[in-house]
Amino acid sequence: MSSTPLRAPAKAPPNGAEMAVSHLGRALSVTGTLDTDGEVHIHGKIQGRINADRMVLSAGAAMDGDIVARDVQIAGRLNGRIFAVNVTLDASADVTGRIFHHTVTVARGARVDARMPWRPPSYFETLDQLPETRP
């Protein structure tokens, strides 16, 4: 997979307009890498990697792969790794893998079978390549 460092939040659009939020619908499945400088909400299925400023995996959605973002919110099923400064796991979250984070919030009822190593913010600023997955 290609290496994409975590990016600083995108510059605000002129005249106070907000950047549009992208949505991947329930009926869609994506295999590969999804890149955005903005926010993406996943309602379908992903196999691969997501690079975003903010990413939301909705309840009922599923992902197998890596997430690299500044903020991540999980309400669906994730089998993979998260590399994010801020991570929120909702009550409906079902996470298996690793969660590299600076801050993490886990709601009562979330299912988590993961290692959650803490990292300082500087770790994410210099993250040029993701660590290799161990067998």
C-alpha atoms as a PDB file:
ATOM      1  CA  MET A   1       0.000   0.000   0.000  1.00  0.00           C
ATOM      2  CA  SER A   2       1.153   3.540  -0.636  1.00  0.00           C
ATOM      3  CA  SER A   3       2.367   5.682   2.212  1.00  0.00           C
ATOM      4  CA  THR A   4       0.426   8.819   3.014  1.00  0.00           C
ATOM      5  CA  PRO A   5       1.394  10.842   6.072  1.00  0.00           C
ATOM      6  CA  LEU A   6      -1.324  12.224   8.295  1.00  0.00           C
ATOM      7  CA  ARG A   7      -2.113  15.678   7.079  1.00  0.00           C
ATOM      8  CA  ALA A   8      -2.882  18.795   9.021  1.00  0.00           C
ATOM      9  CA  PRO A   9      -6.551  19.712   8.760  1.00  0.00           C
ATOM     10  CA  ALA A  10      -7.395  21.151   5.364  1.00  0.00           C
ATOM     11  CA  LYS A  11      -7.488  24.920   5.160  1.00  0.00           C
ATOM     12  CA  ALA A  12     -10.965  26.325   5.593  1.00  0.00           C
ATOM     13  CA  PRO A  13     -12.670  27.269   2.324  1.00  0.00           C
ATOM     14  CA  PRO A  14     -13.075  31.009   1.707  1.00  0.00           C
ATOM     15  CA  ASN A  15     -16.086  32.972   3.044  1.00  0.00           C
ATOM     16  CA  GLY A  16     -16.559  30.599   5.993  1.00  0.00           C
ATOM     17  CA  ALA A  17     -18.002  27.818   3.781  1.00  0.00           C
ATOM     18  CA  GLU A  18     -17.485  24.323   5.148  1.00  0.00           C
ATOM     19  CA  MET A  19     -15.898  21.469   3.229  1.00  0.00           C
ATOM     20  CA  ALA A  20     -18.510  18.982   1.992  1.00  0.00           C
ATOM     21  CA  VAL A  21     -18.823  15.630   3.713  1.00  0.00           C
ATOM     22  CA  SER A  22     -18.519  12.580   1.454  1.00  0.00           C
ATOM     23  CA  HIS A  23     -20.775   9.549   2.004  1.00  0.00           C
ATOM     24  CA  LEU A  24     -20.304   5.966   0.824  1.00  0.00           C
ATOM     25  CA  GLY A  25     -23.836   4.492   0.767  1.00  0.00           C
ATOM     26  CA  ARG A  26     -24.992   1.182   2.233  1.00  0.00           C
ATOM     27  CA  ALA A  27     -25.296  -0.451  -1.194  1.00  0.00           C
ATOM     28  CA  LEU A  28     -21.667   0.326  -2.139  1.00  0.00           C
ATOM     29  CA  SER A  29     -18.530  -1.736  -1.594  1.00  0.00           C
ATOM     30  CA  VAL A  30     -15.032  -0.407  -2.184  1.00  0.00           C
ATOM     31  CA  THR A  31     -11.798  -2.343  -2.516  1.00  0.00           C
ATOM     32  CA  GLY A  32      -8.588  -0.326  -2.500  1.00  0.00           C
ATOM     33  CA  THR A  33      -7.514   3.044  -1.116  1.00  0.00           C
ATOM     34  CA  LEU A  34      -9.886   5.924  -0.482  1.00  0.00           C
ATOM     35  CA  ASP A  35      -8.212   9.359  -0.105  1.00  0.00           C
ATOM     36  CA  THR A  36      -9.814  12.628   0.956  1.00  0.00           C
ATOM     37  CA  ASP A  37      -8.605  15.832   2.595  1.00  0.00           C
ATOM     38  CA  GLY A  38     -12.040  16.216   4.170  1.00  0.00           C
ATOM     39  CA  GLU A  39     -14.544  14.104   6.045  1.00  0.00           C
ATOM     40  CA  VAL A  40     -15.959  10.780   4.885  1.00  0.00           C
ATOM     41  CA  HIS A  41     -18.870   8.757   6.295  1.00  0.00           C
ATOM     42  CA  ILE A  42     -18.920   5.059   5.447  1.00  0.00           C
ATOM     43  CA  HIS A  43     -22.292   3.308   5.409  1.00  0.00           C
ATOM     44  CA  GLY A  44     -21.279   0.384   3.144  1.00  0.00           C
ATOM     45  CA  LYS A  45     -18.314  -1.983   3.019  1.00  0.00           C
ATOM     46  CA  ILE A  46     -14.614  -1.170   2.608  1.00  0.00           C
ATOM     47  CA  GLN A  47     -11.685  -3.492   2.057  1.00  0.00           C
ATOM     48  CA  GLY A  48      -8.414  -1.580   1.959  1.00  0.00           C
ATOM     49  CA  ARG A  49      -7.337   1.748   3.379  1.00  0.00           C
ATOM     50  CA  ILE A  50      -8.889   5.125   4.112  1.00  0.00           C
ATOM     51  CA  ASN A  51      -6.852   8.338   4.372  1.00  0.00           C
ATOM     52  CA  ALA A  52      -8.947  11.273   5.580  1.00  0.00           C
ATOM     53  CA  ASP A  53      -8.988  14.243   7.904  1.00  0.00           C
ATOM     54  CA  ARG A  54     -12.063  12.804   9.666  1.00  0.00           C
ATOM     55  CA  MET A  55     -13.660   9.398   9.131  1.00  0.00           C
ATOM     56  CA  VAL A  56     -16.924   7.942  10.465  1.00  0.00           C
ATOM     57  CA  LEU A  57     -17.767   4.238  10.142  1.00  0.00           C
ATOM     58  CA  SER A  58     -21.538   4.158  10.665  1.00  0.00           C
ATOM     59  CA  ALA A  59     -23.559   1.495  12.464  1.00  0.00           C
ATOM     60  CA  GLY A  60     -24.140  -1.400  10.057  1.00  0.00           C
ATOM     61  CA  ALA A  61     -21.032  -0.545   8.005  1.00  0.00           C
ATOM     62  CA  ALA A  62     -18.014  -2.852   7.822  1.00  0.00           C
ATOM     63  CA  MET A  63     -14.341  -2.338   7.049  1.00  0.00           C
ATOM     64  CA  ASP A  64     -11.333  -4.629   6.728  1.00  0.00           C
ATOM     65  CA  GLY A  65      -8.143  -2.575   6.537  1.00  0.00           C
ATOM     66  CA  ASP A  66      -6.377   0.513   7.835  1.00  0.00           C
ATOM     67  CA  ILE A  67      -7.684   3.957   8.726  1.00  0.00           C
ATOM     68  CA  VAL A  68      -5.330   6.942   8.781  1.00  0.00           C
ATOM     69  CA  ALA A  69      -7.024  10.142   9.950  1.00  0.00           C
ATOM     70  CA  ARG A  70      -6.922  12.954  12.482  1.00  0.00           C
ATOM     71  CA  ASP A  71     -10.324  11.981  13.957  1.00  0.00           C
ATOM     72  CA  VAL A  72     -12.037   8.589  13.722  1.00  0.00           C
ATOM     73  CA  GLN A  73     -15.486   7.579  14.962  1.00  0.00           C
ATOM     74  CA  ILE A  74     -16.474   3.914  14.796  1.00  0.00           C
ATOM     75  CA  ALA A  75     -20.061   2.701  15.180  1.00  0.00           C
ATOM     76  CA  GLY A  76     -19.809  -0.282  12.801  1.00  0.00           C
ATOM     77  CA  ARG A  77     -17.483  -3.287  12.442  1.00  0.00           C
ATOM     78  CA  LEU A  78     -13.745  -2.785  11.871  1.00  0.00           C
ATOM     79  CA  ASN A  79     -11.156  -5.494  11.411  1.00  0.00           C
ATOM     80  CA  GLY A  80      -7.858  -3.674  11.043  1.00  0.00           C
ATOM     81  CA  ARG A  81      -5.802  -0.803  12.361  1.00  0.00           C
ATOM     82  CA  ILE A  82      -6.547   2.794  13.236  1.00  0.00           C
ATOM     83  CA  PHE A  83      -3.885   5.509  13.191  1.00  0.00           C
ATOM     84  CA  ALA A  84      -5.591   8.633  14.560  1.00  0.00           C
ATOM     85  CA  VAL A  85      -5.001  11.388  17.057  1.00  0.00           C
ATOM     86  CA  ASN A  86      -8.583  11.142  18.367  1.00  0.00           C
ATOM     87  CA  VAL A  87     -10.630   7.931  18.320  1.00  0.00           C
ATOM     88  CA  THR A  88     -14.234   7.460  19.456  1.00  0.00           C
ATOM     89  CA  LEU A  89     -15.823   4.013  19.698  1.00  0.00           C
ATOM     90  CA  ASP A  90     -19.621   4.173  19.933  1.00  0.00           C
ATOM     91  CA  ALA A  91     -21.748   1.618  21.804  1.00  0.00           C
ATOM     92  CA  SER A  92     -22.425  -0.313  18.563  1.00  0.00           C
ATOM     93  CA  ALA A  93     -18.712  -0.513  17.592  1.00  0.00           C
ATOM     94  CA  ASP A  94     -17.142  -3.928  16.990  1.00  0.00           C
ATOM     95  CA  VAL A  95     -13.376  -3.513  16.604  1.00  0.00           C
ATOM     96  CA  THR A  96     -10.699  -6.163  16.125  1.00  0.00           C
ATOM     97  CA  GLY A  97      -7.093  -5.097  15.553  1.00  0.00           C
ATOM     98  CA  ARG A  98      -4.935  -2.211  16.802  1.00  0.00           C
ATOM     99  CA  ILE A  99      -5.808   1.376  17.663  1.00  0.00           C
ATOM    100  CA  PHE A 100      -2.848   3.772  17.621  1.00  0.00           C
ATOM    101  CA  HIS A 101      -4.183   6.917  19.278  1.00  0.00           C
ATOM    102  CA  HIS A 102      -3.465   9.978  21.403  1.00  0.00           C
ATOM    103  CA  THR A 103      -6.958  10.079  22.916  1.00  0.00           C
ATOM    104  CA  VAL A 104      -9.574   7.345  22.818  1.00  0.00           C
ATOM    105  CA  THR A 105     -13.158   7.285  24.081  1.00  0.00           C
ATOM    106  CA  VAL A 106     -14.976   3.959  24.398  1.00  0.00           C
ATOM    107  CA  ALA A 107     -18.734   3.908  24.999  1.00  0.00           C
ATOM    108  CA  ARG A 108     -20.321   1.291  27.241  1.00  0.00           C
ATOM    109  CA  GLY A 109     -21.374  -1.648  25.065  1.00  0.00           C
ATOM    110  CA  ALA A 110     -18.616  -1.315  22.463  1.00  0.00           C
ATOM    111  CA  ARG A 111     -16.942  -4.618  21.608  1.00  0.00           C
ATOM    112  CA  VAL A 112     -13.176  -4.175  21.446  1.00  0.00           C
ATOM    113  CA  ASP A 113     -10.690  -6.986  20.812  1.00  0.00           C
ATOM    114  CA  ALA A 114      -7.709  -4.780  20.139  1.00  0.00           C
ATOM    115  CA  ARG A 115      -4.447  -3.467  21.450  1.00  0.00           C
ATOM    116  CA  MET A 116      -4.640   0.277  21.973  1.00  0.00           C
ATOM    117  CA  PRO A 117      -1.112   1.724  22.114  1.00  0.00           C
ATOM    118  CA  TRP A 118      -0.971   5.412  23.107  1.00  0.00           C
ATOM    119  CA  ARG A 119       1.142   7.700  20.953  1.00  0.00           C
ATOM    120  CA  PRO A 120       2.106  11.387  21.337  1.00  0.00           C
ATOM    121  CA  PRO A 121       0.726  13.797  18.701  1.00  0.00           C
ATOM    122  CA  SER A 122       4.203  14.051  17.127  1.00  0.00           C
ATOM    123  CA  TYR A 123       3.974  10.342  16.174  1.00  0.00           C
ATOM    124  CA  PHE A 124       1.118  11.093  13.775  1.00  0.00           C
ATOM    125  CA  GLU A 125       2.781  14.185  12.294  1.00  0.00           C
ATOM    126  CA  THR A 126       5.762  12.095  11.190  1.00  0.00           C
ATOM    127  CA  LEU A 127       3.863   8.957  10.163  1.00  0.00           C
ATOM    128  CA  ASP A 128       5.184   8.474   6.634  1.00  0.00           C
ATOM    129  CA  GLN A 129       4.797   4.710   6.419  1.00  0.00           C
ATOM    130  CA  LEU A 130       2.483   2.431   8.336  1.00  0.00           C
ATOM    131  CA  PRO A 131       4.150  -0.266  10.442  1.00  0.00           C
ATOM    132  CA  GLU A 132       4.150  -3.693   8.852  1.00  0.00           C
ATOM    133  CA  THR A 133       1.530  -6.152  10.041  1.00  0.00           C
ATOM    134  CA  ARG A 134       3.004  -9.014  12.008  1.00  0.00           C
ATOM    135  CA  PRO A 135       1.888 -12.529  11.067  1.00  0.00           C
END
